[in-house]
């Protein structure tokens, strides 16, 4: 309900902001929507939005199911690509680390050979 109010806010503010205490009334209305004891949001939803949503419930459910399937396929495809890239990076990092280790060993040997002379 608050999202619907927010979407219409620009229109309502432009048309009704000249009324005295408009913003105070708007704040009180939002507070009543928010507060659980008023049950105003539930009543408005039951009267206005539930019938509208009920008409398109099958379409909404179908769209949500298709979105879940597409999201799963997309995640799977990107997951496989990320695994491949991670394997390649791991291989490259291993080569670089082995090279660094070999150079460190060579430097250590050179340093110890220089001390013994």
PDB file of N, CA and C in Angstrom:
ATOM      1  N   UNK A   1       0.827  -1.181   0.000  1.00  0.00           N
ATOM      2  CA  UNK A   1       0.000   0.000   0.000  1.00  0.00           C
ATOM      3  C   UNK A   1       0.877   1.253   0.000  1.00  0.00           C
ATOM      4  N   UNK A   2       1.939   1.190   0.787  1.00  0.00           N
ATOM      5  CA  UNK A   2       2.831   2.344   0.833  1.00  0.00           C
ATOM      6  C   UNK A   2       3.492   2.596  -0.518  1.00  0.00           C
ATOM      7  N   UNK A   3       3.790   1.520  -1.239  1.00  0.00           N
ATOM      8  CA  UNK A   3       4.404   1.712  -2.556  1.00  0.00           C
ATOM      9  C   UNK A   3       3.423   2.369  -3.528  1.00  0.00           C
ATOM     10  N   UNK A   4       2.156   2.009  -3.449  1.00  0.00           N
ATOM     11  CA  UNK A   4       1.154   2.653  -4.296  1.00  0.00           C
ATOM     12  C   UNK A   4       1.022   4.128  -3.938  1.00  0.00           C
ATOM     13  N   UNK A   5       1.058   4.420  -2.637  1.00  0.00           N
ATOM     14  CA  UNK A   5       0.986   5.813  -2.198  1.00  0.00           C
ATOM     15  C   UNK A   5       2.209   6.588  -2.687  1.00  0.00           C
ATOM     16  N   UNK A   6       3.351   5.948  -2.617  1.00  0.00           N
ATOM     17  CA  UNK A   6       4.577   6.604  -3.074  1.00  0.00           C
ATOM     18  C   UNK A   6       4.532   6.878  -4.583  1.00  0.00           C
ATOM     19  N   UNK A   7       4.005   5.939  -5.345  1.00  0.00           N
ATOM     20  CA  UNK A   7       3.905   6.130  -6.792  1.00  0.00           C
ATOM     21  C   UNK A   7       2.953   7.275  -7.148  1.00  0.00           C
ATOM     22  N   UNK A   8       1.917   7.432  -6.369  1.00  0.00           N
ATOM     23  CA  UNK A   8       0.941   8.502  -6.623  1.00  0.00           C
ATOM     24  C   UNK A   8       1.290   9.796  -5.912  1.00  0.00           C
ATOM     25  N   UNK A   9       2.335   9.778  -5.122  1.00  0.00           N
ATOM     26  CA  UNK A   9       2.676  10.929  -4.290  1.00  0.00           C
ATOM     27  C   UNK A   9       2.917  12.198  -5.106  1.00  0.00           C
ATOM     28  N   UNK A  10       3.600  12.066  -6.227  1.00  0.00           N
ATOM     29  CA  UNK A  10       3.883  13.267  -7.026  1.00  0.00           C
ATOM     30  C   UNK A  10       2.592  13.914  -7.520  1.00  0.00           C
ATOM     31  N   UNK A  11       1.621  13.097  -7.878  1.00  0.00           N
ATOM     32  CA  UNK A  11       0.348  13.621  -8.359  1.00  0.00           C
ATOM     33  C   UNK A  11      -0.456  14.236  -7.208  1.00  0.00           C
ATOM     34  N   UNK A  12      -0.529  13.494  -6.104  1.00  0.00           N
ATOM     35  CA  UNK A  12      -1.278  13.992  -4.951  1.00  0.00           C
ATOM     36  C   UNK A  12      -0.645  15.250  -4.373  1.00  0.00           C
ATOM     37  N   UNK A  13       0.677  15.261  -4.253  1.00  0.00           N
ATOM     38  CA  UNK A  13       1.337  16.445  -3.704  1.00  0.00           C
ATOM     39  C   UNK A  13       1.098  17.675  -4.578  1.00  0.00           C
ATOM     40  N   UNK A  14       1.169  17.470  -5.881  1.00  0.00           N
ATOM     41  CA  UNK A  14       0.944  18.597  -6.785  1.00  0.00           C
ATOM     42  C   UNK A  14      -0.483  19.119  -6.736  1.00  0.00           C
ATOM     43  N   UNK A  15      -1.426  18.214  -6.585  1.00  0.00           N
ATOM     44  CA  UNK A  15      -2.838  18.624  -6.623  1.00  0.00           C
ATOM     45  C   UNK A  15      -3.361  19.089  -5.269  1.00  0.00           C
ATOM     46  N   UNK A  16      -2.826  18.513  -4.183  1.00  0.00           N
ATOM     47  CA  UNK A  16      -3.428  18.784  -2.870  1.00  0.00           C
ATOM     48  C   UNK A  16      -2.542  19.538  -1.894  1.00  0.00           C
ATOM     49  N   UNK A  17      -1.336  19.882  -2.298  1.00  0.00           N
ATOM     50  CA  UNK A  17      -0.421  20.515  -1.350  1.00  0.00           C
ATOM     51  C   UNK A  17      -0.889  21.900  -0.904  1.00  0.00           C
ATOM     52  N   UNK A  18      -1.792  22.508  -1.613  1.00  0.00           N
ATOM     53  CA  UNK A  18      -2.303  23.828  -1.249  1.00  0.00           C
ATOM     54  C   UNK A  18      -3.304  23.748  -0.098  1.00  0.00           C
ATOM     55  N   UNK A  19      -3.824  22.545   0.178  1.00  0.00           N
ATOM     56  CA  UNK A  19      -4.776  22.395   1.288  1.00  0.00           C
ATOM     57  C   UNK A  19      -4.065  22.562   2.624  1.00  0.00           C
ATOM     58  N   UNK A  20      -4.725  23.226   3.572  1.00  0.00           N
ATOM     59  CA  UNK A  20      -4.117  23.353   4.906  1.00  0.00           C
ATOM     60  C   UNK A  20      -3.975  21.969   5.560  1.00  0.00           C
ATOM     61  N   UNK A  21      -2.876  21.760   6.197  1.00  0.00           N
ATOM     62  CA  UNK A  21      -2.583  20.525   6.922  1.00  0.00           C
ATOM     63  C   UNK A  21      -2.526  19.290   6.030  1.00  0.00           C
ATOM     64  N   UNK A  22      -2.267  19.482   4.737  1.00  0.00           N
ATOM     65  CA  UNK A  22      -2.178  18.331   3.831  1.00  0.00           C
ATOM     66  C   UNK A  22      -1.066  17.391   4.251  1.00  0.00           C
ATOM     67  N   UNK A  23       0.102  17.936   4.525  1.00  0.00           N
ATOM     68  CA  UNK A  23       1.235  17.082   4.859  1.00  0.00           C
ATOM     69  C   UNK A  23       1.057  16.415   6.224  1.00  0.00           C
ATOM     70  N   UNK A  24       0.390  17.077   7.143  1.00  0.00           N
ATOM     71  CA  UNK A  24       0.092  16.473   8.442  1.00  0.00           C
ATOM     72  C   UNK A  24      -0.888  15.308   8.239  1.00  0.00           C
ATOM     73  N   UNK A  25      -1.905  15.513   7.418  1.00  0.00           N
ATOM     74  CA  UNK A  25      -2.871  14.453   7.133  1.00  0.00           C
ATOM     75  C   UNK A  25      -2.202  13.288   6.409  1.00  0.00           C
ATOM     76  N   UNK A  26      -1.290  13.602   5.496  1.00  0.00           N
ATOM     77  CA  UNK A  26      -0.570  12.550   4.771  1.00  0.00           C
ATOM     78  C   UNK A  26       0.290  11.735   5.736  1.00  0.00           C
ATOM     79  N   UNK A  27       0.950  12.420   6.652  1.00  0.00           N
ATOM     80  CA  UNK A  27       1.762  11.740   7.648  1.00  0.00           C
ATOM     81  C   UNK A  27       0.900  10.858   8.544  1.00  0.00           C
ATOM     82  N   UNK A  28      -0.247  11.345   8.953  1.00  0.00           N
ATOM     83  CA  UNK A  28      -1.162  10.555   9.785  1.00  0.00           C
ATOM     84  C   UNK A  28      -1.661   9.331   9.017  1.00  0.00           C
ATOM     85  N   UNK A  29      -1.942   9.496   7.744  1.00  0.00           N
ATOM     86  CA  UNK A  29      -2.405   8.374   6.919  1.00  0.00           C
ATOM     87  C   UNK A  29      -1.316   7.309   6.779  1.00  0.00           C
ATOM     88  N   UNK A  30      -0.084   7.752   6.537  1.00  0.00           N
ATOM     89  CA  UNK A  30       1.026   6.802   6.427  1.00  0.00           C
ATOM     90  C   UNK A  30       1.249   6.106   7.764  1.00  0.00           C
ATOM     91  N   UNK A  31       1.147   6.850   8.855  1.00  0.00           N
ATOM     92  CA  UNK A  31       1.270   6.242  10.183  1.00  0.00           C
ATOM     93  C   UNK A  31       0.183   5.208  10.429  1.00  0.00           C
ATOM     94  N   UNK A  32      -1.032   5.499  10.005  1.00  0.00           N
ATOM     95  CA  UNK A  32      -2.137   4.543  10.171  1.00  0.00           C
ATOM     96  C   UNK A  32      -1.925   3.312   9.300  1.00  0.00           C
ATOM     97  N   UNK A  33      -1.368   3.497   8.106  1.00  0.00           N
ATOM     98  CA  UNK A  33      -1.058   2.345   7.258  1.00  0.00           C
ATOM     99  C   UNK A  33       0.007   1.462   7.896  1.00  0.00           C
ATOM    100  N   UNK A  34       0.968   2.093   8.525  1.00  0.00           N
ATOM    101  CA  UNK A  34       2.105   1.377   9.085  1.00  0.00           C
ATOM    102  C   UNK A  34       1.753   0.666  10.389  1.00  0.00           C
ATOM    103  N   UNK A  35       0.959   1.301  11.234  1.00  0.00           N
ATOM    104  CA  UNK A  35       0.706   0.757  12.569  1.00  0.00           C
ATOM    105  C   UNK A  35      -0.181  -0.483  12.494  1.00  0.00           C
ATOM    106  N   UNK A  36       0.266  -1.572  13.115  1.00  0.00           N
ATOM    107  CA  UNK A  36      -0.482  -2.839  12.998  1.00  0.00           C
ATOM    108  C   UNK A  36      -1.868  -2.814  13.641  1.00  0.00           C
ATOM    109  N   UNK A  37      -2.069  -2.028  14.689  1.00  0.00           N
ATOM    110  CA  UNK A  37      -3.371  -2.055  15.359  1.00  0.00           C
ATOM    111  C   UNK A  37      -4.479  -1.418  14.533  1.00  0.00           C
ATOM    112  N   UNK A  38      -4.137  -0.558  13.586  1.00  0.00           N
ATOM    113  CA  UNK A  38      -5.179   0.097  12.785  1.00  0.00           C
ATOM    114  C   UNK A  38      -5.742  -0.832  11.713  1.00  0.00           C
ATOM    115  N   UNK A  39      -4.940  -1.756  11.233  1.00  0.00           N
ATOM    116  CA  UNK A  39      -5.322  -2.693  10.172  1.00  0.00           C
ATOM    117  C   UNK A  39      -5.835  -1.972   8.918  1.00  0.00           C
ATOM    118  N   UNK A  40      -5.442  -0.725   8.751  1.00  0.00           N
ATOM    119  CA  UNK A  40      -5.890   0.059   7.599  1.00  0.00           C
ATOM    120  C   UNK A  40      -5.306  -0.486   6.302  1.00  0.00           C
ATOM    121  N   UNK A  41      -4.046  -0.839   6.324  1.00  0.00           N
ATOM    122  CA  UNK A  41      -3.422  -1.368   5.111  1.00  0.00           C
ATOM    123  C   UNK A  41      -4.106  -2.662   4.679  1.00  0.00           C
ATOM    124  N   UNK A  42      -4.424  -3.531   5.637  1.00  0.00           N
ATOM    125  CA  UNK A  42      -5.111  -4.794   5.303  1.00  0.00           C
ATOM    126  C   UNK A  42      -6.491  -4.539   4.721  1.00  0.00           C
ATOM    127  N   UNK A  43      -7.198  -3.581   5.294  1.00  0.00           N
ATOM    128  CA  UNK A  43      -8.548  -3.276   4.799  1.00  0.00           C
ATOM    129  C   UNK A  43      -8.503  -2.704   3.387  1.00  0.00           C
ATOM    130  N   UNK A  44      -7.577  -1.800   3.137  1.00  0.00           N
ATOM    131  CA  UNK A  44      -7.465  -1.210   1.800  1.00  0.00           C
ATOM    132  C   UNK A  44      -7.043  -2.262   0.790  1.00  0.00           C
ATOM    133  N   UNK A  45      -6.094  -3.124   1.191  1.00  0.00           N
ATOM    134  CA  UNK A  45      -5.668  -4.186   0.286  1.00  0.00           C
ATOM    135  C   UNK A  45      -6.839  -5.112  -0.048  1.00  0.00           C
ATOM    136  N   UNK A  46      -7.591  -5.516   0.979  1.00  0.00           N
ATOM    137  CA  UNK A  46      -8.718  -6.437   0.758  1.00  0.00           C
ATOM    138  C   UNK A  46      -9.787  -5.814  -0.133  1.00  0.00           C
ATOM    139  N   UNK A  47     -10.006  -4.523  -0.003  1.00  0.00           N
ATOM    140  CA  UNK A  47     -11.076  -3.879  -0.770  1.00  0.00           C
ATOM    141  C   UNK A  47     -10.664  -3.549  -2.205  1.00  0.00           C
ATOM    142  N   UNK A  48      -9.431  -3.087  -2.413  1.00  0.00           N
ATOM    143  CA  UNK A  48      -9.045  -2.589  -3.724  1.00  0.00           C
ATOM    144  C   UNK A  48      -8.059  -3.481  -4.479  1.00  0.00           C
ATOM    145  N   UNK A  49      -7.015  -3.917  -3.804  1.00  0.00           N
ATOM    146  CA  UNK A  49      -5.944  -4.616  -4.508  1.00  0.00           C
ATOM    147  C   UNK A  49      -6.172  -6.117  -4.650  1.00  0.00           C
ATOM    148  N   UNK A  50      -6.781  -6.752  -3.671  1.00  0.00           N
ATOM    149  CA  UNK A  50      -6.998  -8.204  -3.738  1.00  0.00           C
ATOM    150  C   UNK A  50      -7.854  -8.602  -4.944  1.00  0.00           C
ATOM    151  N   UNK A  51      -8.951  -7.894  -5.242  1.00  0.00           N
ATOM    152  CA  UNK A  51      -9.712  -8.265  -6.442  1.00  0.00           C
ATOM    153  C   UNK A  51      -8.903  -8.105  -7.735  1.00  0.00           C
ATOM    154  N   UNK A  52      -8.100  -7.066  -7.805  1.00  0.00           N
ATOM    155  CA  UNK A  52      -7.280  -6.840  -8.992  1.00  0.00           C
ATOM    156  C   UNK A  52      -6.226  -7.935  -9.134  1.00  0.00           C
ATOM    157  N   UNK A  53      -5.567  -8.252  -8.039  1.00  0.00           N
ATOM    158  CA  UNK A  53      -4.548  -9.298  -8.063  1.00  0.00           C
ATOM    159  C   UNK A  53      -5.196 -10.660  -8.337  1.00  0.00           C
ATOM    160  N   UNK A  54      -6.376 -10.866  -7.796  1.00  0.00           N
ATOM    161  CA  UNK A  54      -7.077 -12.139  -8.001  1.00  0.00           C
ATOM    162  C   UNK A  54      -7.392 -12.410  -9.463  1.00  0.00           C
ATOM    163  N   UNK A  55      -7.700 -11.373 -10.214  1.00  0.00           N
ATOM    164  CA  UNK A  55      -7.992 -11.534 -11.639  1.00  0.00           C
ATOM    165  C   UNK A  55      -6.782 -12.041 -12.402  1.00  0.00           C
ATOM    166  N   UNK A  56      -5.624 -11.586 -12.012  1.00  0.00           N
ATOM    167  CA  UNK A  56      -4.403 -11.905 -12.755  1.00  0.00           C
ATOM    168  C   UNK A  56      -3.494 -12.887 -12.012  1.00  0.00           C
ATOM    169  N   UNK A  57      -4.043 -13.594 -11.027  1.00  0.00           N
ATOM    170  CA  UNK A  57      -3.232 -14.483 -10.193  1.00  0.00           C
ATOM    171  C   UNK A  57      -2.546 -15.567 -11.010  1.00  0.00           C
ATOM    172  N   UNK A  58      -3.255 -16.176 -11.939  1.00  0.00           N
ATOM    173  CA  UNK A  58      -2.654 -17.228 -12.758  1.00  0.00           C
ATOM    174  C   UNK A  58      -1.516 -16.676 -13.616  1.00  0.00           C
ATOM    175  N   UNK A  59      -1.729 -15.500 -14.186  1.00  0.00           N
ATOM    176  CA  UNK A  59      -0.683 -14.870 -14.997  1.00  0.00           C
ATOM    177  C   UNK A  59       0.539 -14.513 -14.157  1.00  0.00           C
ATOM    178  N   UNK A  60       0.286 -14.001 -12.958  1.00  0.00           N
ATOM    179  CA  UNK A  60       1.387 -13.638 -12.065  1.00  0.00           C
ATOM    180  C   UNK A  60       2.161 -14.884 -11.660  1.00  0.00           C
ATOM    181  N   UNK A  61       1.462 -15.952 -11.297  1.00  0.00           N
ATOM    182  CA  UNK A  61       2.131 -17.199 -10.908  1.00  0.00           C
ATOM    183  C   UNK A  61       2.959 -17.766 -12.057  1.00  0.00           C
ATOM    184  N   UNK A  62       2.419 -17.705 -13.253  1.00  0.00           N
ATOM    185  CA  UNK A  62       3.145 -18.205 -14.429  1.00  0.00           C
ATOM    186  C   UNK A  62       4.404 -17.369 -14.670  1.00  0.00           C
ATOM    187  N   UNK A  63       4.278 -16.065 -14.565  1.00  0.00           N
ATOM    188  CA  UNK A  63       5.432 -15.187 -14.771  1.00  0.00           C
ATOM    189  C   UNK A  63       6.502 -15.420 -13.713  1.00  0.00           C
ATOM    190  N   UNK A  64       6.090 -15.631 -12.466  1.00  0.00           N
ATOM    191  CA  UNK A  64       7.055 -15.898 -11.394  1.00  0.00           C
ATOM    192  C   UNK A  64       7.756 -17.226 -11.636  1.00  0.00           C
ATOM    193  N   UNK A  65       7.008 -18.248 -12.072  1.00  0.00           N
ATOM    194  CA  UNK A  65       7.617 -19.551 -12.364  1.00  0.00           C
ATOM    195  C   UNK A  65       8.620 -19.449 -13.505  1.00  0.00           C
ATOM    196  N   UNK A  66       8.258 -18.740 -14.559  1.00  0.00           N
ATOM    197  CA  UNK A  66       9.181 -18.561 -15.680  1.00  0.00           C
ATOM    198  C   UNK A  66      10.422 -17.779 -15.256  1.00  0.00           C
ATOM    199  N   UNK A  67      10.239 -16.774 -14.422  1.00  0.00           N
ATOM    200  CA  UNK A  67      11.376 -15.986 -13.942  1.00  0.00           C
ATOM    201  C   UNK A  67      12.310 -16.841 -13.098  1.00  0.00           C
ATOM    202  N   UNK A  68      11.746 -17.711 -12.269  1.00  0.00           N
ATOM    203  CA  UNK A  68      12.585 -18.613 -11.464  1.00  0.00           C
ATOM    204  C   UNK A  68      13.386 -19.548 -12.353  1.00  0.00           C
ATOM    205  N   UNK A  69      12.735 -20.108 -13.374  1.00  0.00           N
ATOM    206  CA  UNK A  69      13.453 -21.007 -14.285  1.00  0.00           C
ATOM    207  C   UNK A  69      14.563 -20.273 -15.023  1.00  0.00           C
ATOM    208  N   UNK A  70      14.264 -19.088 -15.517  1.00  0.00           N
ATOM    209  CA  UNK A  70      15.278 -18.311 -16.234  1.00  0.00           C
ATOM    210  C   UNK A  70      16.430 -17.921 -15.308  1.00  0.00           C
ATOM    211  N   UNK A  71      16.105 -17.530 -14.091  1.00  0.00           N
ATOM    212  CA  UNK A  71      17.150 -17.164 -13.130  1.00  0.00           C
ATOM    213  C   UNK A  71      18.024 -18.367 -12.808  1.00  0.00           C
ATOM    214  N   UNK A  72      17.404 -19.546 -12.671  1.00  0.00           N
ATOM    215  CA  UNK A  72      18.179 -20.756 -12.422  1.00  0.00           C
ATOM    216  C   UNK A  72      19.088 -21.095 -13.585  1.00  0.00           C
ATOM    217  N   UNK A  73      18.568 -20.991 -14.803  1.00  0.00           N
ATOM    218  CA  UNK A  73      19.389 -21.254 -15.991  1.00  0.00           C
ATOM    219  C   UNK A  73      20.536 -20.258 -16.097  1.00  0.00           C
ATOM    220  N   UNK A  74      20.234 -19.001 -15.835  1.00  0.00           N
ATOM    221  CA  UNK A  74      21.248 -17.959 -15.911  1.00  0.00           C
ATOM    222  C   UNK A  74      22.335 -18.175 -14.858  1.00  0.00           C
ATOM    223  N   UNK A  75      21.916 -18.502 -13.647  1.00  0.00           N
ATOM    224  CA  UNK A  75      22.881 -18.746 -12.574  1.00  0.00           C
ATOM    225  C   UNK A  75      23.738 -19.965 -12.897  1.00  0.00           C
ATOM    226  N   UNK A  76      23.119 -20.984 -13.457  1.00  0.00           N
ATOM    227  CA  UNK A  76      23.869 -22.186 -13.820  1.00  0.00           C
ATOM    228  C   UNK A  76      24.897 -21.881 -14.899  1.00  0.00           C
ATOM    229  N   UNK A  77      24.490 -21.156 -15.917  1.00  0.00           N
ATOM    230  CA  UNK A  77      25.404 -20.820 -17.010  1.00  0.00           C
ATOM    231  C   UNK A  77      26.563 -19.965 -16.518  1.00  0.00           C
ATOM    232  N   UNK A  78      26.244 -18.962 -15.719  1.00  0.00           N
ATOM    233  CA  UNK A  78      27.306 -18.097 -15.212  1.00  0.00           C
ATOM    234  C   UNK A  78      28.163 -18.830 -14.188  1.00  0.00           C
ATOM    235  N   UNK A  79      27.556 -19.730 -13.439  1.00  0.00           N
ATOM    236  CA  UNK A  79      28.323 -20.514 -12.469  1.00  0.00           C
ATOM    237  C   UNK A  79      29.364 -21.370 -13.156  1.00  0.00           C
ATOM    238  N   UNK A  80      28.983 -22.006 -14.264  1.00  0.00           N
ATOM    239  CA  UNK A  80      29.933 -22.827 -15.007  1.00  0.00           C
ATOM    240  C   UNK A  80      31.054 -21.970 -15.593  1.00  0.00           C
ATOM    241  N   UNK A  81      30.705 -20.814 -16.107  1.00  0.00           N
ATOM    242  CA  UNK A  81      31.721 -19.913 -16.655  1.00  0.00           C
ATOM    243  C   UNK A  81      32.673 -19.446 -15.560  1.00  0.00           C
ATOM    244  N   UNK A  82      32.130 -19.126 -14.393  1.00  0.00           N
ATOM    245  CA  UNK A  82      32.974 -18.697 -13.282  1.00  0.00           C
ATOM    246  C   UNK A  82      33.884 -19.816 -12.800  1.00  0.00           C
ATOM    247  N   UNK A  83      33.390 -21.048 -12.789  1.00  0.00           N
ATOM    248  CA  UNK A  83      34.235 -22.179 -12.404  1.00  0.00           C
ATOM    249  C   UNK A  83      35.393 -22.340 -13.375  1.00  0.00           C
ATOM    250  N   UNK A  84      35.116 -22.211 -14.650  1.00  0.00           N
ATOM    251  CA  UNK A  84      36.166 -22.331 -15.660  1.00  0.00           C
ATOM    252  C   UNK A  84      37.216 -21.243 -15.481  1.00  0.00           C
ATOM    253  N   UNK A  85      36.765 -20.019 -15.282  1.00  0.00           N
ATOM    254  CA  UNK A  85      37.702 -18.915 -15.077  1.00  0.00           C
ATOM    255  C   UNK A  85      38.509 -19.095 -13.802  1.00  0.00           C
ATOM    256  N   UNK A  86      37.871 -19.603 -12.760  1.00  0.00           N
ATOM    257  CA  UNK A  86      38.588 -19.830 -11.506  1.00  0.00           C
ATOM    258  C   UNK A  86      39.666 -20.894 -11.684  1.00  0.00           C
ATOM    259  N   UNK A  87      39.361 -21.942 -12.426  1.00  0.00           N
ATOM    260  CA  UNK A  87      40.365 -22.979 -12.688  1.00  0.00           C
ATOM    261  C   UNK A  87      41.551 -22.407 -13.462  1.00  0.00           C
ATOM    262  N   UNK A  88      41.264 -21.583 -14.469  1.00  0.00           N
ATOM    263  CA  UNK A  88      42.341 -20.974 -15.258  1.00  0.00           C
ATOM    264  C   UNK A  88      43.206 -20.069 -14.382  1.00  0.00           C
ATOM    265  N   UNK A  89      42.573 -19.252 -13.536  1.00  0.00           N
ATOM    266  CA  UNK A  89      43.327 -18.364 -12.659  1.00  0.00           C
ATOM    267  C   UNK A  89      44.149 -19.146 -11.641  1.00  0.00           C
ATOM    268  N   UNK A  90      43.588 -20.236 -11.152  1.00  0.00           N
ATOM    269  CA  UNK A  90      44.324 -21.068 -10.205  1.00  0.00           C
ATOM    270  C   UNK A  90      45.554 -21.660 -10.870  1.00  0.00           C
ATOM    271  N   UNK A  91      45.405 -22.113 -12.093  1.00  0.00           N
ATOM    272  CA  UNK A  91      46.546 -22.653 -12.830  1.00  0.00           C
ATOM    273  C   UNK A  91      47.614 -21.606 -13.064  1.00  0.00           C
ATOM    274  N   UNK A  92      47.205 -20.423 -13.441  1.00  0.00           N
ATOM    275  CA  UNK A  92      48.164 -19.335 -13.672  1.00  0.00           C
ATOM    276  C   UNK A  92      48.868 -18.946 -12.376  1.00  0.00           C
ATOM    277  N   UNK A  93      48.101 -18.859 -11.294  1.00  0.00           N
ATOM    278  CA  UNK A  93      48.682 -18.491 -10.001  1.00  0.00           C
ATOM    279  C   UNK A  93      49.686 -19.545  -9.543  1.00  0.00           C
ATOM    280  N   UNK A  94      49.393 -20.809  -9.792  1.00  0.00           N
ATOM    281  CA  UNK A  94      50.316 -21.877  -9.422  1.00  0.00           C
ATOM    282  C   UNK A  94      51.630 -21.732 -10.173  1.00  0.00           C
ATOM    283  N   UNK A  95      51.556 -21.443 -11.452  1.00  0.00           N
ATOM    284  CA  UNK A  95      52.766 -21.263 -12.266  1.00  0.00           C
ATOM    285  C   UNK A  95      53.574 -20.076 -11.743  1.00  0.00           C
ATOM    286  N   UNK A  96      52.906 -18.966 -11.460  1.00  0.00           N
ATOM    287  CA  UNK A  96      53.599 -17.772 -10.970  1.00  0.00           C
ATOM    288  C   UNK A  96      54.245 -18.041  -9.608  1.00  0.00           C
ATOM    289  N   UNK A  97      53.533 -18.718  -8.721  1.00  0.00           N
ATOM    290  CA  UNK A  97      54.087 -19.012  -7.403  1.00  0.00           C
ATOM    291  C   UNK A  97      55.280 -19.958  -7.484  1.00  0.00           C
ATOM    292  N   UNK A  98      55.205 -20.953  -8.355  1.00  0.00           N
ATOM    293  CA  UNK A  98      56.346 -21.864  -8.530  1.00  0.00           C
ATOM    294  C   UNK A  98      57.555 -21.112  -9.062  1.00  0.00           C
ATOM    295  N   UNK A  99      57.311 -20.180  -9.992  1.00  0.00           N
ATOM    296  CA  UNK A  99      58.392 -19.376 -10.551  1.00  0.00           C
ATOM    297  C   UNK A  99      59.025 -18.506  -9.465  1.00  0.00           C
ATOM    298  N   UNK A 100      58.196 -17.880  -8.629  1.00  0.00           N
ATOM    299  CA  UNK A 100      58.706 -17.061  -7.537  1.00  0.00           C
ATOM    300  C   UNK A 100      59.495 -17.897  -6.534  1.00  0.00           C
ATOM    301  N   UNK A 101      58.992 -19.075  -6.254  1.00  0.00           N
ATOM    302  CA  UNK A 101      59.681 -19.963  -5.316  1.00  0.00           C
ATOM    303  C   UNK A 101      61.044 -20.369  -5.867  1.00  0.00           C
ATOM    304  N   UNK A 102      61.083 -20.694  -7.145  1.00  0.00           N
ATOM    305  CA  UNK A 102      62.343 -21.096  -7.773  1.00  0.00           C
ATOM    306  C   UNK A 102      63.346 -19.947  -7.739  1.00  0.00           C
ATOM    307  N   UNK A 103      62.882 -18.727  -8.029  1.00  0.00           N
ATOM    308  CA  UNK A 103      63.773 -17.571  -7.990  1.00  0.00           C
ATOM    309  C   UNK A 103      64.284 -17.310  -6.575  1.00  0.00           C
ATOM    310  N   UNK A 104      63.412 -17.487  -5.572  1.00  0.00           N
ATOM    311  CA  UNK A 104      63.830 -17.292  -4.179  1.00  0.00           C
ATOM    312  C   UNK A 104      64.884 -18.316  -3.777  1.00  0.00           C
ATOM    313  N   UNK A 105      64.711 -19.557  -4.214  1.00  0.00           N
ATOM    314  CA  UNK A 105      65.692 -20.604  -3.911  1.00  0.00           C
ATOM    315  C   UNK A 105      67.023 -20.277  -4.577  1.00  0.00           C
ATOM    316  N   UNK A 106      66.974 -19.829  -5.822  1.00  0.00           N
ATOM    317  CA  UNK A 106      68.202 -19.470  -6.535  1.00  0.00           C
ATOM    318  C   UNK A 106      68.914 -18.306  -5.847  1.00  0.00           C
ATOM    319  N   UNK A 107      68.160 -17.308  -5.392  1.00  0.00           N
ATOM    320  CA  UNK A 107      68.767 -16.167  -4.688  1.00  0.00           C
ATOM    321  C   UNK A 107      69.391 -16.615  -3.369  1.00  0.00           C
ATOM    322  N   UNK A 108      68.669 -17.500  -2.673  1.00  0.00           N
ATOM    323  CA  UNK A 108      69.205 -17.994  -1.403  1.00  0.00           C
ATOM    324  C   UNK A 108      70.500 -18.773  -1.640  1.00  0.00           C
ATOM    325  N   UNK A 109      70.546 -19.590  -2.674  1.00  0.00           N
ATOM    326  CA  UNK A 109      71.751 -20.357  -2.996  1.00  0.00           C
ATOM    327  C   UNK A 109      72.894 -19.415  -3.377  1.00  0.00           C
ATOM    328  N   UNK A 110      72.558 -18.382  -4.160  1.00  0.00           N
ATOM    329  CA  UNK A 110      73.589 -17.423  -4.571  1.00  0.00           C
ATOM    330  C   UNK A 110      74.129 -16.656  -3.352  1.00  0.00           C
ATOM    331  N   UNK A 111      73.217 -16.299  -2.445  1.00  0.00           N
ATOM    332  CA  UNK A 111      73.633 -15.574  -1.249  1.00  0.00           C
ATOM    333  C   UNK A 111      74.494 -16.448  -0.341  1.00  0.00           C
ATOM    334  N   UNK A 112      74.119 -17.735  -0.191  1.00  0.00           N
ATOM    335  CA  UNK A 112      74.918 -18.630   0.653  1.00  0.00           C
ATOM    336  C   UNK A 112      76.239 -18.957  -0.014  1.00  0.00           C
ATOM    337  N   UNK A 113      76.291 -19.034  -1.328  1.00  0.00           N
ATOM    338  CA  UNK A 113      77.562 -19.279  -2.045  1.00  0.00           C
ATOM    339  C   UNK A 113      78.455 -18.081  -1.898  1.00  0.00           C
ATOM    340  N   UNK A 114      77.932 -16.883  -1.873  1.00  0.00           N
ATOM    341  CA  UNK A 114      78.727 -15.676  -1.728  1.00  0.00           C
ATOM    342  C   UNK A 114      79.299 -15.552  -0.329  1.00  0.00           C
ATOM    343  N   UNK A 115      78.606 -16.064   0.676  1.00  0.00           N
ATOM    344  CA  UNK A 115      79.086 -15.996   2.067  1.00  0.00           C
ATOM    345  C   UNK A 115      80.193 -16.996   2.331  1.00  0.00           C
ATOM    346  N   UNK A 116      80.139 -18.144   1.667  1.00  0.00           N
ATOM    347  CA  UNK A 116      81.126 -19.191   1.899  1.00  0.00           C
ATOM    348  C   UNK A 116      82.456 -18.875   1.257  1.00  0.00           C
ATOM    349  N   UNK A 117      82.517 -18.026   0.306  1.00  0.00           N
ATOM    350  CA  UNK A 117      83.787 -17.719  -0.394  1.00  0.00           C
ATOM    351  C   UNK A 117      84.636 -16.811   0.376  1.00  0.00           C
TER     352      UNK A 117
END
